[in-house]
Amino acid sequence: MNKIQFLTMVGCHNCEAVKKLFNEVIPEFKDSVEVEEIDMMSTEGQELVQKYGVFASPGIIINDELFATGGVDKEKLVEKLKELS
């Protein structure tokens, strides 16, 4: 199972946009992808921010590798998920 860690922040418009994108895209890959939403301000969130050098919200970490910060392109996300399936 592939793991997406979705680092979010309260009041983040980019986070809401990516959440909508996930709701569109992830069902197609539900058998191979698990999404975990993590508040960037939590202890766990802060550890991940520092570990991966997340400089803008949201941060998207796929299988322990930083995939995107500050937003994500739908085509790149779908391409990555197809690669992992």
Protein backbone atom coordinates (compact mmCIF):
# COMPACT_ATOMS: atom_id res chain seq x y z
CA MET A 1 0.00 0.00 0.00
CA ASN A 2 1.38 3.40 -1.00
CA LYS A 3 1.23 6.12 1.61
CA ILE A 4 0.48 9.80 1.02
CA GLN A 5 1.07 12.14 3.92
CA PHE A 6 -0.88 15.34 3.34
CA LEU A 7 0.43 18.17 5.53
CA THR A 8 -2.25 20.82 5.96
CA MET A 9 -2.80 24.04 7.83
CA VAL A 10 -6.01 25.65 9.13
CA GLY A 11 -7.23 28.38 6.77
CA CYS A 12 -5.00 27.27 3.89
CA HIS A 13 -6.77 27.78 0.56
CA ASN A 14 -4.23 25.63 -1.33
CA CYS A 15 -4.87 22.82 1.17
CA GLU A 16 -8.61 22.94 0.45
CA ALA A 17 -7.95 22.88 -3.31
CA VAL A 18 -5.67 19.85 -2.99
CA LYS A 19 -8.19 18.12 -0.71
CA LYS A 20 -10.81 18.50 -3.47
CA LEU A 21 -8.30 17.17 -6.00
CA PHE A 22 -7.62 14.14 -3.78
CA ASN A 23 -11.39 13.52 -3.53
CA GLU A 24 -11.52 13.42 -7.35
CA VAL A 25 -8.38 11.38 -8.02
CA ILE A 26 -7.79 9.03 -5.07
CA PRO A 27 -10.94 6.85 -5.49
CA GLU A 28 -9.47 5.52 -8.74
CA PHE A 29 -6.43 4.32 -6.77
CA LYS A 30 -8.16 3.38 -3.50
CA ASP A 31 -6.78 -0.16 -3.59
CA SER A 32 -3.17 1.02 -3.74
CA VAL A 33 -3.10 4.39 -1.93
CA GLU A 34 -3.73 5.46 1.64
CA VAL A 35 -3.94 9.18 2.49
CA GLU A 36 -3.09 10.48 5.95
CA GLU A 37 -3.93 14.14 6.66
CA ILE A 38 -1.59 15.72 9.20
CA ASP A 39 -1.82 19.22 10.70
CA MET A 40 1.46 21.00 9.97
CA MET A 41 1.34 22.64 13.40
CA SER A 42 1.10 19.34 15.30
CA THR A 43 4.21 17.73 16.74
CA GLU A 44 4.18 15.08 14.01
CA GLY A 45 3.55 17.76 11.36
CA GLN A 46 6.46 19.89 12.56
CA GLU A 47 8.78 16.86 12.51
CA LEU A 48 7.78 16.11 8.90
CA VAL A 49 8.11 19.78 7.87
CA GLN A 50 11.68 19.82 9.17
CA LYS A 51 12.61 16.36 7.88
CA TYR A 52 11.43 17.05 4.31
CA GLY A 53 12.03 20.81 4.10
CA VAL A 54 8.38 21.68 3.46
CA PHE A 55 8.35 25.43 2.84
CA ALA A 56 4.71 26.00 1.87
CA SER A 57 1.40 24.37 2.67
CA PRO A 58 0.21 21.91 1.79
CA GLY A 59 3.09 19.49 1.77
CA ILE A 60 2.60 16.18 0.01
CA ILE A 61 4.88 13.28 0.89
CA ILE A 62 4.48 10.05 -1.07
CA ASN A 63 6.20 6.93 0.28
CA ASP A 64 8.62 8.97 2.39
CA GLU A 65 9.63 11.31 -0.47
CA LEU A 66 8.59 14.95 -0.80
CA PHE A 67 6.34 15.15 -3.87
CA ALA A 68 5.04 18.74 -3.75
CA THR A 69 4.61 21.84 -1.61
CA GLY A 70 2.19 24.72 -1.96
CA GLY A 71 -0.15 22.81 -4.28
CA VAL A 72 -0.03 20.07 -6.87
CA ASP A 73 -0.67 19.61 -10.56
CA LYS A 74 -3.45 17.08 -11.20
CA GLU A 75 -1.68 15.47 -14.17
CA LYS A 76 1.56 15.00 -12.21
CA LEU A 77 -0.33 13.49 -9.29
CA VAL A 78 -2.25 11.05 -11.50
CA GLU A 79 0.97 10.13 -13.33
CA LYS A 80 2.72 9.42 -10.01
CA LEU A 81 -0.17 7.32 -8.71
CA LYS A 82 -0.31 5.29 -11.95
CA GLU A 83 3.44 4.71 -11.62
CA LEU A 84 2.91 3.34 -8.11
CA SER A 85 -0.13 1.17 -8.89
